[in-house]
Amino acid sequence: MKEIQNRRQYFRHDFSIPLCTEMRIIKIGTKNVETSKTLVCVKNISAGGLLFETNLNIPVRADVTFEFTMTVCHKELILPGMIKRRHDLAQQQYQYGVEFLLSEQEKSNLVSMFNEMSVKLHKKGNAGCSLCSTDRKGCYKIKQKKQVKI
């Protein structure tokens, strides 16, 4: 039997209630762009990346850089990343895996912040995080299936 190897370098923090996060495209190839923001629901996060769900059908392209803005421990985080994988869910919902484009020092800083966040979430509830509403309507404002054209 072939052994599956876990390639993750950082501990992944799962959210029982997703983290409501703004996402936008900031770069296509070498060209900086400014697009409007949309809300996505982050299911888990680590210093290396995150997993989010949305009803947007986004192509997976290595030349597109996204920006994710969220509140963690009462601090606004703005994290650049690229979508590395996509999984189709039921009823026009999609799940995307993102790899952050950060220096090792920035990732190290995130490890400390995310550990603090996990302890506070366990003890207090929202820990100063921008959690989604329980029905997630704020993160799924677009009702019909949307194809994102890049």
Protein backbone atom coordinates (compact mmCIF):
# COMPACT_ATOMS: atom_id res chain seq x y z
CA MET A 1 0.00 0.00 0.00
CA LYS A 2 1.31 3.44 -0.96
CA GLU A 3 1.91 5.75 1.99
CA ILE A 4 0.42 9.25 1.76
CA GLN A 5 2.83 11.97 2.80
CA ASN A 6 1.64 15.15 4.53
CA ARG A 7 3.60 18.03 3.01
CA ARG A 8 2.22 20.73 5.29
CA GLN A 9 4.85 22.69 7.19
CA TYR A 10 2.49 24.59 9.51
CA PHE A 11 -0.27 23.64 11.90
CA ARG A 12 -3.69 24.18 10.33
CA HIS A 13 -6.32 25.94 12.47
CA ASP A 14 -9.89 24.82 11.71
CA PHE A 15 -12.85 27.14 12.30
CA SER A 16 -16.15 25.74 13.57
CA ILE A 17 -17.67 28.98 12.25
CA PRO A 18 -15.77 30.17 9.15
CA LEU A 19 -13.71 33.35 9.11
CA CYS A 20 -15.41 35.96 6.90
CA THR A 21 -12.70 37.31 4.61
CA GLU A 22 -12.51 39.84 1.79
CA MET A 23 -10.81 38.63 -1.37
CA ARG A 24 -9.73 40.46 -4.51
CA ILE A 25 -7.31 40.02 -7.40
CA ILE A 26 -4.21 42.22 -7.13
CA LYS A 27 -1.96 40.90 -9.90
CA ILE A 28 -2.28 39.03 -13.19
CA GLY A 29 1.10 38.00 -14.54
CA THR A 30 3.36 40.99 -13.98
CA LYS A 31 0.54 43.54 -14.17
CA ASN A 32 -0.87 45.02 -10.96
CA VAL A 33 -4.67 45.26 -11.05
CA GLU A 34 -7.39 46.50 -8.73
CA THR A 35 -10.60 44.53 -8.68
CA SER A 36 -13.62 44.84 -6.44
CA LYS A 37 -13.69 42.77 -3.26
CA THR A 38 -15.92 39.82 -2.53
CA LEU A 39 -16.53 37.91 0.68
CA VAL A 40 -15.43 34.29 1.12
CA CYS A 41 -15.69 31.88 4.06
CA VAL A 42 -12.31 30.64 5.32
CA LYS A 43 -12.65 27.10 6.72
CA ASN A 44 -9.07 26.76 7.96
CA ILE A 45 -5.82 28.69 7.99
CA SER A 46 -2.12 28.23 8.66
CA ALA A 47 0.99 30.32 8.16
CA GLY A 48 1.35 28.62 4.78
CA GLY A 49 -2.13 29.22 3.40
CA LEU A 50 -5.88 28.86 3.81
CA LEU A 51 -8.91 26.96 2.58
CA PHE A 52 -12.02 28.93 1.61
CA GLU A 53 -15.49 28.28 0.24
CA THR A 54 -17.50 30.44 -2.14
CA ASN A 55 -20.12 30.20 -4.87
CA LEU A 56 -17.70 31.83 -7.33
CA ASN A 57 -16.26 29.59 -10.04
CA ILE A 58 -12.64 30.81 -10.11
CA PRO A 59 -10.08 29.32 -12.50
CA VAL A 60 -6.88 27.98 -10.92
CA ARG A 61 -4.01 29.93 -12.52
CA ALA A 62 -0.43 30.26 -11.30
CA ASP A 63 -0.10 33.79 -12.70
CA VAL A 64 -2.93 35.32 -10.63
CA THR A 65 -2.27 36.77 -7.16
CA PHE A 66 -5.13 37.33 -4.75
CA GLU A 67 -5.29 39.43 -1.59
CA PHE A 68 -7.15 38.19 1.48
CA THR A 69 -8.17 40.70 4.18
CA MET A 70 -9.44 39.46 7.54
CA THR A 71 -9.54 40.37 11.22
CA VAL A 72 -7.68 38.07 13.64
CA CYS A 73 -7.18 38.96 17.32
CA HIS A 74 -8.52 42.48 16.63
CA LYS A 75 -5.80 43.01 13.97
CA GLU A 76 -6.41 43.42 10.26
CA LEU A 77 -4.37 40.97 8.20
CA ILE A 78 -3.77 41.49 4.50
CA LEU A 79 -2.26 38.35 2.98
CA PRO A 80 -1.30 37.78 -0.66
CA GLY A 81 -1.68 34.30 -2.08
CA MET A 82 -2.35 32.15 -5.09
CA ILE A 83 -5.01 29.51 -5.57
CA LYS A 84 -3.31 26.12 -5.84
CA ARG A 85 -6.29 23.78 -6.00
CA ARG A 86 -10.06 23.66 -6.35
CA HIS A 87 -12.66 21.14 -5.22
CA ASP A 88 -16.26 21.28 -6.52
CA LEU A 89 -18.85 20.92 -3.78
CA ALA A 90 -22.58 20.32 -4.14
CA GLN A 91 -25.02 23.00 -5.30
CA GLN A 92 -22.67 25.39 -7.13
CA GLN A 93 -20.26 25.76 -4.22
CA TYR A 94 -16.50 25.56 -4.56
CA GLN A 95 -13.62 25.06 -2.15
CA TYR A 96 -10.17 26.53 -2.89
CA GLY A 97 -6.76 25.91 -1.38
CA VAL A 98 -4.49 28.97 -1.25
CA GLU A 99 -0.75 29.22 -0.69
CA PHE A 100 0.41 32.49 0.86
CA LEU A 101 3.16 34.46 -0.84
CA LEU A 102 5.06 35.53 2.29
CA SER A 103 8.62 35.63 3.60
CA GLU A 104 9.69 33.14 6.26
CA GLN A 105 9.68 35.96 8.84
CA GLU A 106 6.11 36.91 7.94
CA LYS A 107 5.05 33.26 8.21
CA SER A 108 6.75 33.01 11.61
CA ASN A 109 4.77 36.05 12.80
CA LEU A 110 1.56 34.41 11.60
CA VAL A 111 2.31 31.21 13.54
CA SER A 112 2.35 33.21 16.80
CA MET A 113 -0.81 35.13 15.91
CA PHE A 114 -2.73 32.01 14.86
CA ASN A 115 -1.71 30.16 18.03
CA GLU A 116 -2.99 33.09 20.10
CA MET A 117 -6.18 33.08 18.03
CA SER A 118 -6.77 29.36 18.65
CA VAL A 119 -6.43 29.75 22.41
CA LYS A 120 -8.80 32.74 22.45
CA LEU A 121 -11.35 31.03 20.19
CA HIS A 122 -11.35 28.03 22.49
CA LYS A 123 -11.90 30.19 25.59
CA LYS A 124 -13.99 33.17 24.44
CA GLY A 125 -15.82 32.49 21.19
CA ASN A 126 -14.86 34.95 18.46
CA ALA A 127 -11.44 36.13 19.78
CA GLY A 128 -11.61 39.38 17.85
CA CYS A 129 -12.02 37.53 14.55
CA SER A 130 -14.32 38.43 11.66
CA LEU A 131 -16.40 35.24 11.84
CA CYS A 132 -19.16 34.56 9.31
CA SER A 133 -22.80 34.65 10.32
CA THR A 134 -24.11 31.16 11.05
CA ASP A 135 -26.16 31.14 7.82
CA ARG A 136 -23.17 32.51 5.80
CA LYS A 137 -25.48 34.75 3.73
CA GLY A 138 -22.99 37.60 3.94
CA CYS A 139 -20.34 35.46 2.27
CA TYR A 140 -22.67 34.18 -0.45
CA LYS A 141 -24.28 37.40 -1.65
CA ILE A 142 -24.26 36.29 -5.28
CA LYS A 143 -27.17 33.86 -5.66
CA GLN A 144 -26.52 32.51 -9.16
CA LYS A 145 -23.50 30.59 -10.34
CA LYS A 146 -20.77 33.01 -11.37
CA GLN A 147 -17.78 32.33 -13.58
CA VAL A 148 -14.87 34.62 -12.75
CA LYS A 149 -13.12 35.68 -15.93
CA ILE A 150 -9.43 36.39 -15.58
